[in-house]
């Protein structure tokens, strides 16, 4: 599930406008108690593989932490994983501005049963 949760260059901090999207995601999680969710973090192509893997993991964790702290979601229902720059949406030869869509999180929903 793509989201509009994008991050600034070299940052794992949520943007000011992220609250509405996070609340929507939180309500989805709360309405589906039998499902589990995974937050996948991504980066642009700038920086080392190791640095970007860490940054992508921090982005995913930031989203999970917000959902747990602000929506009361059980942390056991949300997994996180970072992919660094391994799943670019925009080619890596583009500028920092053009690679904005690469600096994102995506949500994977898994139905239990």
PDB file of N, CA and C in Angstrom:
ATOM      1  N   UNK A   1       0.853  -1.170   0.000  1.00  0.00           N
ATOM      2  CA  UNK A   1       0.000   0.000   0.000  1.00  0.00           C
ATOM      3  C   UNK A   1       0.898   1.232   0.000  1.00  0.00           C
ATOM      4  N   UNK A   2       0.990   1.913  -1.119  1.00  0.00           N
ATOM      5  CA  UNK A   2       1.784   3.142  -1.145  1.00  0.00           C
ATOM      6  C   UNK A   2       1.146   4.190  -0.229  1.00  0.00           C
ATOM      7  N   UNK A   3       1.961   5.041   0.313  1.00  0.00           N
ATOM      8  CA  UNK A   3       1.447   6.123   1.149  1.00  0.00           C
ATOM      9  C   UNK A   3       2.040   7.429   0.660  1.00  0.00           C
ATOM     10  N   UNK A   4       1.517   8.519   1.155  1.00  0.00           N
ATOM     11  CA  UNK A   4       2.117   9.810   0.844  1.00  0.00           C
ATOM     12  C   UNK A   4       3.035  10.249   1.978  1.00  0.00           C
ATOM     13  N   UNK A   5       3.537   9.282   2.731  1.00  0.00           N
ATOM     14  CA  UNK A   5       4.470   9.573   3.818  1.00  0.00           C
ATOM     15  C   UNK A   5       5.875   9.647   3.245  1.00  0.00           C
ATOM     16  N   UNK A   6       6.259  10.852   2.887  1.00  0.00           N
ATOM     17  CA  UNK A   6       7.571  11.102   2.310  1.00  0.00           C
ATOM     18  C   UNK A   6       8.443  11.800   3.344  1.00  0.00           C
ATOM     19  N   UNK A   7       9.739  11.709   3.139  1.00  0.00           N
ATOM     20  CA  UNK A   7      10.704  12.277   4.076  1.00  0.00           C
ATOM     21  C   UNK A   7      11.624  13.249   3.356  1.00  0.00           C
ATOM     22  N   UNK A   8      12.132  14.200   4.110  1.00  0.00           N
ATOM     23  CA  UNK A   8      13.122  15.117   3.568  1.00  0.00           C
ATOM     24  C   UNK A   8      14.434  14.375   3.359  1.00  0.00           C
ATOM     25  N   UNK A   9      15.283  14.959   2.555  1.00  0.00           N
ATOM     26  CA  UNK A   9      16.593  14.389   2.266  1.00  0.00           C
ATOM     27  C   UNK A   9      17.357  14.158   3.567  1.00  0.00           C
ATOM     28  N   UNK A  10      17.914  12.964   3.723  1.00  0.00           N
ATOM     29  CA  UNK A  10      18.758  12.602   4.862  1.00  0.00           C
ATOM     30  C   UNK A  10      18.046  12.776   6.209  1.00  0.00           C
ATOM     31  N   UNK A  11      16.747  12.487   6.250  1.00  0.00           N
ATOM     32  CA  UNK A  11      15.986  12.682   7.483  1.00  0.00           C
ATOM     33  C   UNK A  11      15.041  11.508   7.725  1.00  0.00           C
ATOM     34  N   UNK A  12      14.875  11.160   8.997  1.00  0.00           N
ATOM     35  CA  UNK A  12      13.875  10.172   9.400  1.00  0.00           C
ATOM     36  C   UNK A  12      12.765  10.837  10.209  1.00  0.00           C
ATOM     37  N   UNK A  13      12.742  12.170  10.218  1.00  0.00           N
ATOM     38  CA  UNK A  13      11.709  12.904  10.947  1.00  0.00           C
ATOM     39  C   UNK A  13      10.458  13.033  10.093  1.00  0.00           C
ATOM     40  N   UNK A  14       9.297  12.890  10.731  1.00  0.00           N
ATOM     41  CA  UNK A  14       8.041  13.058  10.016  1.00  0.00           C
ATOM     42  C   UNK A  14       7.865  14.511   9.616  1.00  0.00           C
ATOM     43  N   UNK A  15       7.295  14.714   8.466  1.00  0.00           N
ATOM     44  CA  UNK A  15       6.991  16.068   8.012  1.00  0.00           C
ATOM     45  C   UNK A  15       5.776  16.598   8.769  1.00  0.00           C
ATOM     46  N   UNK A  16       5.657  17.908   8.794  1.00  0.00           N
ATOM     47  CA  UNK A  16       4.559  18.556   9.510  1.00  0.00           C
ATOM     48  C   UNK A  16       3.205  18.054   9.010  1.00  0.00           C
ATOM     49  N   UNK A  17       3.037  17.844   7.735  1.00  0.00           N
ATOM     50  CA  UNK A  17       1.750  17.438   7.176  1.00  0.00           C
ATOM     51  C   UNK A  17       1.456  15.954   7.234  1.00  0.00           C
ATOM     52  N   UNK A  18       2.266  15.176   7.924  1.00  0.00           N
ATOM     53  CA  UNK A  18       2.109  13.717   7.915  1.00  0.00           C
ATOM     54  C   UNK A  18       0.988  13.216   8.819  1.00  0.00           C
ATOM     55  N   UNK A  19       0.518  14.034   9.730  1.00  0.00           N
ATOM     56  CA  UNK A  19      -0.438  13.577  10.735  1.00  0.00           C
ATOM     57  C   UNK A  19      -1.712  12.995  10.128  1.00  0.00           C
ATOM     58  N   UNK A  20      -2.285  13.641   9.133  1.00  0.00           N
ATOM     59  CA  UNK A  20      -3.543  13.155   8.547  1.00  0.00           C
ATOM     60  C   UNK A  20      -3.361  11.766   7.943  1.00  0.00           C
ATOM     61  N   UNK A  21      -2.274  11.556   7.234  1.00  0.00           N
ATOM     62  CA  UNK A  21      -2.011  10.239   6.638  1.00  0.00           C
ATOM     63  C   UNK A  21      -1.775   9.185   7.709  1.00  0.00           C
ATOM     64  N   UNK A  22      -1.068   9.549   8.757  1.00  0.00           N
ATOM     65  CA  UNK A  22      -0.809   8.606   9.844  1.00  0.00           C
ATOM     66  C   UNK A  22      -2.091   8.246  10.588  1.00  0.00           C
ATOM     67  N   UNK A  23      -2.957   9.219  10.798  1.00  0.00           N
ATOM     68  CA  UNK A  23      -4.229   8.937  11.458  1.00  0.00           C
ATOM     69  C   UNK A  23      -5.089   8.008  10.602  1.00  0.00           C
ATOM     70  N   UNK A  24      -5.101   8.240   9.309  1.00  0.00           N
ATOM     71  CA  UNK A  24      -5.852   7.375   8.392  1.00  0.00           C
ATOM     72  C   UNK A  24      -5.313   5.946   8.456  1.00  0.00           C
ATOM     73  N   UNK A  25      -3.998   5.809   8.433  1.00  0.00           N
ATOM     74  CA  UNK A  25      -3.377   4.493   8.537  1.00  0.00           C
ATOM     75  C   UNK A  25      -3.704   3.851   9.881  1.00  0.00           C
ATOM     76  N   UNK A  26      -3.626   4.628  10.945  1.00  0.00           N
ATOM     77  CA  UNK A  26      -3.941   4.111  12.270  1.00  0.00           C
ATOM     78  C   UNK A  26      -5.366   3.599  12.366  1.00  0.00           C
ATOM     79  N   UNK A  27      -6.311   4.336  11.792  1.00  0.00           N
ATOM     80  CA  UNK A  27      -7.709   3.889  11.800  1.00  0.00           C
ATOM     81  C   UNK A  27      -7.868   2.591  11.014  1.00  0.00           C
ATOM     82  N   UNK A  28      -7.161   2.460   9.907  1.00  0.00           N
ATOM     83  CA  UNK A  28      -7.198   1.226   9.120  1.00  0.00           C
ATOM     84  C   UNK A  28      -6.700   0.044   9.949  1.00  0.00           C
ATOM     85  N   UNK A  29      -5.614   0.248  10.657  1.00  0.00           N
ATOM     86  CA  UNK A  29      -5.062  -0.819  11.498  1.00  0.00           C
ATOM     87  C   UNK A  29      -6.043  -1.189  12.606  1.00  0.00           C
ATOM     88  N   UNK A  30      -6.623  -0.189  13.246  1.00  0.00           N
ATOM     89  CA  UNK A  30      -7.560  -0.448  14.340  1.00  0.00           C
ATOM     90  C   UNK A  30      -8.832  -1.148  13.860  1.00  0.00           C
ATOM     91  N   UNK A  31      -9.259  -0.868  12.633  1.00  0.00           N
ATOM     92  CA  UNK A  31     -10.467  -1.501  12.083  1.00  0.00           C
ATOM     93  C   UNK A  31     -10.220  -2.931  11.618  1.00  0.00           C
ATOM     94  N   UNK A  32      -8.982  -3.351  11.557  1.00  0.00           N
ATOM     95  CA  UNK A  32      -8.633  -4.681  11.053  1.00  0.00           C
ATOM     96  C   UNK A  32      -7.786  -5.432  12.075  1.00  0.00           C
ATOM     97  N   UNK A  33      -8.399  -5.826  13.191  1.00  0.00           N
ATOM     98  CA  UNK A  33      -7.628  -6.444  14.279  1.00  0.00           C
ATOM     99  C   UNK A  33      -7.024  -7.798  13.930  1.00  0.00           C
ATOM    100  N   UNK A  34      -7.519  -8.458  12.908  1.00  0.00           N
ATOM    101  CA  UNK A  34      -6.977  -9.762  12.526  1.00  0.00           C
ATOM    102  C   UNK A  34      -5.795  -9.648  11.569  1.00  0.00           C
ATOM    103  N   UNK A  35      -5.500  -8.462  11.109  1.00  0.00           N
ATOM    104  CA  UNK A  35      -4.412  -8.270  10.145  1.00  0.00           C
ATOM    105  C   UNK A  35      -3.138  -7.821  10.851  1.00  0.00           C
ATOM    106  N   UNK A  36      -2.016  -8.115  10.215  1.00  0.00           N
ATOM    107  CA  UNK A  36      -0.735  -7.580  10.678  1.00  0.00           C
ATOM    108  C   UNK A  36      -0.218  -6.632   9.604  1.00  0.00           C
ATOM    109  N   UNK A  37       0.655  -5.749  10.012  1.00  0.00           N
ATOM    110  CA  UNK A  37       1.123  -4.696   9.122  1.00  0.00           C
ATOM    111  C   UNK A  37       2.640  -4.609   9.171  1.00  0.00           C
ATOM    112  N   UNK A  38       3.218  -4.292   8.014  1.00  0.00           N
ATOM    113  CA  UNK A  38       4.659  -4.069   7.958  1.00  0.00           C
ATOM    114  C   UNK A  38       4.904  -2.700   7.340  1.00  0.00           C
ATOM    115  N   UNK A  39       5.724  -1.905   8.000  1.00  0.00           N
ATOM    116  CA  UNK A  39       6.124  -0.602   7.493  1.00  0.00           C
ATOM    117  C   UNK A  39       7.494  -0.776   6.849  1.00  0.00           C
ATOM    118  N   UNK A  40       7.569  -0.483   5.558  1.00  0.00           N
ATOM    119  CA  UNK A  40       8.815  -0.627   4.812  1.00  0.00           C
ATOM    120  C   UNK A  40       9.397   0.747   4.508  1.00  0.00           C
ATOM    121  N   UNK A  41      10.626   0.980   4.951  1.00  0.00           N
ATOM    122  CA  UNK A  41      11.289   2.250   4.723  1.00  0.00           C
ATOM    123  C   UNK A  41      12.192   2.200   3.503  1.00  0.00           C
ATOM    124  N   UNK A  42      12.296   3.351   2.820  1.00  0.00           N
ATOM    125  CA  UNK A  42      13.096   3.454   1.602  1.00  0.00           C
ATOM    126  C   UNK A  42      13.860   4.778   1.586  1.00  0.00           C
ATOM    127  N   UNK A  43      14.916   4.818   0.787  1.00  0.00           N
ATOM    128  CA  UNK A  43      15.717   6.033   0.637  1.00  0.00           C
ATOM    129  C   UNK A  43      15.938   6.327  -0.840  1.00  0.00           C
ATOM    130  N   UNK A  44      16.556   7.479  -1.087  1.00  0.00           N
ATOM    131  CA  UNK A  44      16.992   7.774  -2.450  1.00  0.00           C
ATOM    132  C   UNK A  44      18.351   7.121  -2.679  1.00  0.00           C
ATOM    133  N   UNK A  45      18.983   7.411  -3.798  1.00  0.00           N
ATOM    134  CA  UNK A  45      20.224   6.711  -4.162  1.00  0.00           C
ATOM    135  C   UNK A  45      21.487   7.356  -3.604  1.00  0.00           C
ATOM    136  N   UNK A  46      21.365   8.501  -2.959  1.00  0.00           N
ATOM    137  CA  UNK A  46      22.543   9.193  -2.450  1.00  0.00           C
ATOM    138  C   UNK A  46      23.018   8.562  -1.148  1.00  0.00           C
ATOM    139  N   UNK A  47      24.308   8.445  -0.969  1.00  0.00           N
ATOM    140  CA  UNK A  47      24.862   7.866   0.250  1.00  0.00           C
ATOM    141  C   UNK A  47      25.222   6.406   0.074  1.00  0.00           C
ATOM    142  N   UNK A  48      25.923   5.876   1.065  1.00  0.00           N
ATOM    143  CA  UNK A  48      26.384   4.487   0.990  1.00  0.00           C
ATOM    144  C   UNK A  48      25.227   3.519   1.225  1.00  0.00           C
ATOM    145  N   UNK A  49      25.422   2.290   0.791  1.00  0.00           N
ATOM    146  CA  UNK A  49      24.408   1.256   1.016  1.00  0.00           C
ATOM    147  C   UNK A  49      24.123   1.099   2.508  1.00  0.00           C
ATOM    148  N   UNK A  50      25.175   1.056   3.302  1.00  0.00           N
ATOM    149  CA  UNK A  50      25.032   0.862   4.746  1.00  0.00           C
ATOM    150  C   UNK A  50      24.272   2.017   5.395  1.00  0.00           C
ATOM    151  N   UNK A  51      24.644   3.247   5.043  1.00  0.00           N
ATOM    152  CA  UNK A  51      23.974   4.413   5.624  1.00  0.00           C
ATOM    153  C   UNK A  51      22.492   4.422   5.252  1.00  0.00           C
ATOM    154  N   UNK A  52      22.203   4.162   3.984  1.00  0.00           N
ATOM    155  CA  UNK A  52      20.816   4.198   3.533  1.00  0.00           C
ATOM    156  C   UNK A  52      19.979   3.077   4.132  1.00  0.00           C
ATOM    157  N   UNK A  53      20.584   1.927   4.375  1.00  0.00           N
ATOM    158  CA  UNK A  53      19.839   0.850   5.021  1.00  0.00           C
ATOM    159  C   UNK A  53      19.429   1.288   6.428  1.00  0.00           C
ATOM    160  N   UNK A  54      20.361   1.884   7.160  1.00  0.00           N
ATOM    161  CA  UNK A  54      20.060   2.379   8.502  1.00  0.00           C
ATOM    162  C   UNK A  54      18.988   3.468   8.459  1.00  0.00           C
ATOM    163  N   UNK A  55      19.120   4.413   7.534  1.00  0.00           N
ATOM    164  CA  UNK A  55      18.150   5.505   7.414  1.00  0.00           C
ATOM    165  C   UNK A  55      16.759   4.965   7.085  1.00  0.00           C
ATOM    166  N   UNK A  56      16.684   4.003   6.191  1.00  0.00           N
ATOM    167  CA  UNK A  56      15.375   3.443   5.826  1.00  0.00           C
ATOM    168  C   UNK A  56      14.744   2.715   7.011  1.00  0.00           C
ATOM    169  N   UNK A  57      15.547   2.042   7.800  1.00  0.00           N
ATOM    170  CA  UNK A  57      15.028   1.373   9.000  1.00  0.00           C
ATOM    171  C   UNK A  57      14.524   2.393  10.017  1.00  0.00           C
ATOM    172  N   UNK A  58      15.246   3.497  10.157  1.00  0.00           N
ATOM    173  CA  UNK A  58      14.807   4.547  11.083  1.00  0.00           C
ATOM    174  C   UNK A  58      13.496   5.178  10.614  1.00  0.00           C
ATOM    175  N   UNK A  59      13.333   5.352   9.307  1.00  0.00           N
ATOM    176  CA  UNK A  59      12.081   5.908   8.783  1.00  0.00           C
ATOM    177  C   UNK A  59      10.906   4.990   9.105  1.00  0.00           C
ATOM    178  N   UNK A  60      11.083   3.704   8.883  1.00  0.00           N
ATOM    179  CA  UNK A  60      10.017   2.746   9.190  1.00  0.00           C
ATOM    180  C   UNK A  60       9.701   2.759  10.686  1.00  0.00           C
ATOM    181  N   UNK A  61      10.727   2.797  11.515  1.00  0.00           N
ATOM    182  CA  UNK A  61      10.531   2.803  12.966  1.00  0.00           C
ATOM    183  C   UNK A  61       9.835   4.078  13.424  1.00  0.00           C
ATOM    184  N   UNK A  62      10.134   5.202  12.800  1.00  0.00           N
ATOM    185  CA  UNK A  62       9.485   6.469  13.142  1.00  0.00           C
ATOM    186  C   UNK A  62       7.978   6.378  12.941  1.00  0.00           C
ATOM    187  N   UNK A  63       7.569   5.781  11.827  1.00  0.00           N
ATOM    188  CA  UNK A  63       6.140   5.630  11.546  1.00  0.00           C
ATOM    189  C   UNK A  63       5.501   4.683  12.561  1.00  0.00           C
ATOM    190  N   UNK A  64       6.142   3.568  12.829  1.00  0.00           N
ATOM    191  CA  UNK A  64       5.613   2.626  13.828  1.00  0.00           C
ATOM    192  C   UNK A  64       5.479   3.304  15.187  1.00  0.00           C
ATOM    193  N   UNK A  65       6.517   3.995  15.615  1.00  0.00           N
ATOM    194  CA  UNK A  65       6.487   4.663  16.917  1.00  0.00           C
ATOM    195  C   UNK A  65       5.325   5.646  17.009  1.00  0.00           C
ATOM    196  N   UNK A  66       5.090   6.403  15.939  1.00  0.00           N
ATOM    197  CA  UNK A  66       3.987   7.367  15.944  1.00  0.00           C
ATOM    198  C   UNK A  66       2.657   6.642  16.118  1.00  0.00           C
ATOM    199  N   UNK A  67       2.462   5.561  15.376  1.00  0.00           N
ATOM    200  CA  UNK A  67       1.209   4.807  15.446  1.00  0.00           C
ATOM    201  C   UNK A  67       0.986   4.220  16.839  1.00  0.00           C
ATOM    202  N   UNK A  68       2.030   3.723  17.453  1.00  0.00           N
ATOM    203  CA  UNK A  68       1.928   3.144  18.791  1.00  0.00           C
ATOM    204  C   UNK A  68       1.631   4.237  19.820  1.00  0.00           C
ATOM    205  N   UNK A  69       2.368   5.333  19.751  1.00  0.00           N
ATOM    206  CA  UNK A  69       2.243   6.388  20.751  1.00  0.00           C
ATOM    207  C   UNK A  69       0.975   7.221  20.600  1.00  0.00           C
ATOM    208  N   UNK A  70       0.545   7.464  19.376  1.00  0.00           N
ATOM    209  CA  UNK A  70      -0.570   8.384  19.145  1.00  0.00           C
ATOM    210  C   UNK A  70      -1.904   7.708  18.862  1.00  0.00           C
ATOM    211  N   UNK A  71      -1.874   6.453  18.418  1.00  0.00           N
ATOM    212  CA  UNK A  71      -3.116   5.751  18.093  1.00  0.00           C
ATOM    213  C   UNK A  71      -3.361   4.561  19.018  1.00  0.00           C
ATOM    214  N   UNK A  72      -2.413   4.279  19.905  1.00  0.00           N
ATOM    215  CA  UNK A  72      -2.581   3.185  20.851  1.00  0.00           C
ATOM    216  C   UNK A  72      -2.527   1.797  20.236  1.00  0.00           C
ATOM    217  N   UNK A  73      -1.846   1.673  19.130  1.00  0.00           N
ATOM    218  CA  UNK A  73      -1.769   0.385  18.440  1.00  0.00           C
ATOM    219  C   UNK A  73      -0.731  -0.506  19.117  1.00  0.00           C
ATOM    220  N   UNK A  74      -1.071  -1.768  19.258  1.00  0.00           N
ATOM    221  CA  UNK A  74      -0.165  -2.758  19.840  1.00  0.00           C
ATOM    222  C   UNK A  74       1.082  -2.860  18.961  1.00  0.00           C
ATOM    223  N   UNK A  75       2.262  -2.607  19.517  1.00  0.00           N
ATOM    224  CA  UNK A  75       3.485  -2.651  18.703  1.00  0.00           C
ATOM    225  C   UNK A  75       3.744  -4.016  18.074  1.00  0.00           C
ATOM    226  N   UNK A  76       3.188  -5.072  18.658  1.00  0.00           N
ATOM    227  CA  UNK A  76       3.370  -6.401  18.103  1.00  0.00           C
ATOM    228  C   UNK A  76       2.656  -6.621  16.780  1.00  0.00           C
ATOM    229  N   UNK A  77       1.740  -5.724  16.436  1.00  0.00           N
ATOM    230  CA  UNK A  77       1.005  -5.851  15.175  1.00  0.00           C
ATOM    231  C   UNK A  77       1.720  -5.195  14.007  1.00  0.00           C
ATOM    232  N   UNK A  78       2.781  -4.469  14.292  1.00  0.00           N
ATOM    233  CA  UNK A  78       3.472  -3.735  13.236  1.00  0.00           C
ATOM    234  C   UNK A  78       4.932  -4.151  13.197  1.00  0.00           C
ATOM    235  N   UNK A  79       5.357  -4.678  12.078  1.00  0.00           N
ATOM    236  CA  UNK A  79       6.766  -4.984  11.847  1.00  0.00           C
ATOM    237  C   UNK A  79       7.371  -3.839  11.041  1.00  0.00           C
ATOM    238  N   UNK A  80       8.673  -3.712  11.112  1.00  0.00           N
ATOM    239  CA  UNK A  80       9.362  -2.717  10.294  1.00  0.00           C
ATOM    240  C   UNK A  80      10.495  -3.382   9.532  1.00  0.00           C
ATOM    241  N   UNK A  81      10.792  -2.817   8.375  1.00  0.00           N
ATOM    242  CA  UNK A  81      11.924  -3.294   7.583  1.00  0.00           C
ATOM    243  C   UNK A  81      12.423  -2.152   6.722  1.00  0.00           C
ATOM    244  N   UNK A  82      13.734  -2.027   6.637  1.00  0.00           N
ATOM    245  CA  UNK A  82      14.341  -1.034   5.771  1.00  0.00           C
ATOM    246  C   UNK A  82      14.898  -1.685   4.521  1.00  0.00           C
ATOM    247  N   UNK A  83      14.739  -1.001   3.410  1.00  0.00           N
ATOM    248  CA  UNK A  83      15.247  -1.494   2.134  1.00  0.00           C
ATOM    249  C   UNK A  83      16.326  -0.597   1.541  1.00  0.00           C
ATOM    250  N   UNK A  84      16.673   0.473   2.243  1.00  0.00           N
ATOM    251  CA  UNK A  84      17.706   1.359   1.727  1.00  0.00           C
ATOM    252  C   UNK A  84      17.347   1.860   0.344  1.00  0.00           C
ATOM    253  N   UNK A  85      18.327   1.768  -0.562  1.00  0.00           N
ATOM    254  CA  UNK A  85      18.117   2.245  -1.926  1.00  0.00           C
ATOM    255  C   UNK A  85      17.927   1.091  -2.911  1.00  0.00           C
ATOM    256  N   UNK A  86      17.419  -0.038  -2.433  1.00  0.00           N
ATOM    257  CA  UNK A  86      17.273  -1.217  -3.289  1.00  0.00           C
ATOM    258  C   UNK A  86      15.980  -1.234  -4.101  1.00  0.00           C
ATOM    259  N   UNK A  87      15.025  -0.372  -3.771  1.00  0.00           N
ATOM    260  CA  UNK A  87      13.733  -0.364  -4.471  1.00  0.00           C
ATOM    261  C   UNK A  87      13.350   1.056  -4.879  1.00  0.00           C
ATOM    262  N   UNK A  88      14.160   1.642  -5.717  1.00  0.00           N
ATOM    263  CA  UNK A  88      13.927   3.017  -6.154  1.00  0.00           C
ATOM    264  C   UNK A  88      12.706   3.102  -7.066  1.00  0.00           C
ATOM    265  N   UNK A  89      11.883   4.119  -6.869  1.00  0.00           N
ATOM    266  CA  UNK A  89      10.785   4.415  -7.785  1.00  0.00           C
ATOM    267  C   UNK A  89      11.242   5.343  -8.896  1.00  0.00           C
ATOM    268  N   UNK A  90      12.199   6.198  -8.575  1.00  0.00           N
ATOM    269  CA  UNK A  90      12.768   7.156  -9.522  1.00  0.00           C
ATOM    270  C   UNK A  90      14.223   6.759  -9.734  1.00  0.00           C
ATOM    271  N   UNK A  91      14.695   6.718 -10.987  1.00  0.00           N
ATOM    272  CA  UNK A  91      16.080   6.294 -11.245  1.00  0.00           C
ATOM    273  C   UNK A  91      17.101   7.079 -10.426  1.00  0.00           C
ATOM    274  N   UNK A  92      18.171   6.393 -10.056  1.00  0.00           N
ATOM    275  CA  UNK A  92      19.192   6.966  -9.193  1.00  0.00           C
ATOM    276  C   UNK A  92      20.053   8.040  -9.809  1.00  0.00           C
ATOM    277  N   UNK A  93      19.924   8.269 -11.107  1.00  0.00           N
ATOM    278  CA  UNK A  93      20.746   9.299 -11.743  1.00  0.00           C
ATOM    279  C   UNK A  93      20.058  10.663 -11.732  1.00  0.00           C
ATOM    280  N   UNK A  94      18.999  10.806 -10.984  1.00  0.00           N
ATOM    281  CA  UNK A  94      18.245  12.057 -10.913  1.00  0.00           C
ATOM    282  C   UNK A  94      18.712  12.902  -9.734  1.00  0.00           C
ATOM    283  N   UNK A  95      18.268  14.157  -9.700  1.00  0.00           N
ATOM    284  CA  UNK A  95      18.663  15.081  -8.637  1.00  0.00           C
ATOM    285  C   UNK A  95      17.965  14.732  -7.321  1.00  0.00           C
ATOM    286  N   UNK A  96      18.427  15.373  -6.249  1.00  0.00           N
ATOM    287  CA  UNK A  96      17.821  15.180  -4.927  1.00  0.00           C
ATOM    288  C   UNK A  96      16.326  15.490  -4.990  1.00  0.00           C
ATOM    289  N   UNK A  97      15.956  16.590  -5.633  1.00  0.00           N
ATOM    290  CA  UNK A  97      14.553  16.976  -5.724  1.00  0.00           C
ATOM    291  C   UNK A  97      13.751  15.958  -6.527  1.00  0.00           C
ATOM    292  N   UNK A  98      14.312  15.481  -7.618  1.00  0.00           N
ATOM    293  CA  UNK A  98      13.598  14.532  -8.475  1.00  0.00           C
ATOM    294  C   UNK A  98      13.421  13.168  -7.809  1.00  0.00           C
ATOM    295  N   UNK A  99      14.266  12.854  -6.841  1.00  0.00           N
ATOM    296  CA  UNK A  99      14.182  11.560  -6.164  1.00  0.00           C
ATOM    297  C   UNK A  99      13.298  11.584  -4.916  1.00  0.00           C
ATOM    298  N   UNK A 100      12.505  12.627  -4.738  1.00  0.00           N
ATOM    299  CA  UNK A 100      11.655  12.743  -3.550  1.00  0.00           C
ATOM    300  C   UNK A 100      10.808  11.498  -3.318  1.00  0.00           C
ATOM    301  N   UNK A 101      10.242  10.917  -4.357  1.00  0.00           N
ATOM    302  CA  UNK A 101       9.370   9.751  -4.183  1.00  0.00           C
ATOM    303  C   UNK A 101      10.110   8.530  -3.657  1.00  0.00           C
ATOM    304  N   UNK A 102      11.426   8.520  -3.770  1.00  0.00           N
ATOM    305  CA  UNK A 102      12.213   7.411  -3.228  1.00  0.00           C
ATOM    306  C   UNK A 102      12.314   7.473  -1.706  1.00  0.00           C
ATOM    307  N   UNK A 103      12.170   8.646  -1.139  1.00  0.00           N
ATOM    308  CA  UNK A 103      12.300   8.836   0.312  1.00  0.00           C
ATOM    309  C   UNK A 103      10.927   8.657   0.955  1.00  0.00           C
ATOM    310  N   UNK A 104      10.549   7.402   1.171  1.00  0.00           N
ATOM    311  CA  UNK A 104       9.170   7.091   1.525  1.00  0.00           C
ATOM    312  C   UNK A 104       9.088   5.899   2.469  1.00  0.00           C
ATOM    313  N   UNK A 105       7.885   5.650   2.955  1.00  0.00           N
ATOM    314  CA  UNK A 105       7.540   4.365   3.563  1.00  0.00           C
ATOM    315  C   UNK A 105       6.351   3.804   2.795  1.00  0.00           C
ATOM    316  N   UNK A 106       6.280   2.488   2.757  1.00  0.00           N
ATOM    317  CA  UNK A 106       5.136   1.784   2.187  1.00  0.00           C
ATOM    318  C   UNK A 106       4.617   0.822   3.246  1.00  0.00           C
ATOM    319  N   UNK A 107       3.335   0.511   3.171  1.00  0.00           N
ATOM    320  CA  UNK A 107       2.690  -0.348   4.157  1.00  0.00           C
ATOM    321  C   UNK A 107       2.254  -1.644   3.482  1.00  0.00           C
ATOM    322  N   UNK A 108       2.611  -2.768   4.091  1.00  0.00           N
ATOM    323  CA  UNK A 108       2.182  -4.083   3.618  1.00  0.00           C
ATOM    324  C   UNK A 108       1.174  -4.622   4.631  1.00  0.00           C
ATOM    325  N   UNK A 109       0.012  -5.038   4.131  1.00  0.00           N
ATOM    326  CA  UNK A 109      -1.055  -5.562   4.988  1.00  0.00           C
ATOM    327  C   UNK A 109      -1.131  -7.068   4.782  1.00  0.00           C
ATOM    328  N   UNK A 110      -1.130  -7.795   5.893  1.00  0.00           N
ATOM    329  CA  UNK A 110      -1.232  -9.256   5.837  1.00  0.00           C
ATOM    330  C   UNK A 110      -2.455  -9.701   6.634  1.00  0.00           C
ATOM    331  N   UNK A 111      -3.378 -10.347   5.946  1.00  0.00           N
ATOM    332  CA  UNK A 111      -4.558 -10.882   6.626  1.00  0.00           C
ATOM    333  C   UNK A 111      -4.182 -12.173   7.338  1.00  0.00           C
ATOM    334  N   UNK A 112      -4.653 -12.317   8.556  1.00  0.00           N
ATOM    335  CA  UNK A 112      -4.410 -13.558   9.302  1.00  0.00           C
ATOM    336  C   UNK A 112      -5.565 -14.513   9.042  1.00  0.00           C
ATOM    337  N   UNK A 113      -5.251 -15.782   9.069  1.00  0.00           N
ATOM    338  CA  UNK A 113      -6.337 -16.718   8.905  1.00  0.00           C
ATOM    339  C   UNK A 113      -5.983 -17.902   8.174  1.00  0.00           C
TER     340      UNK A 113
END
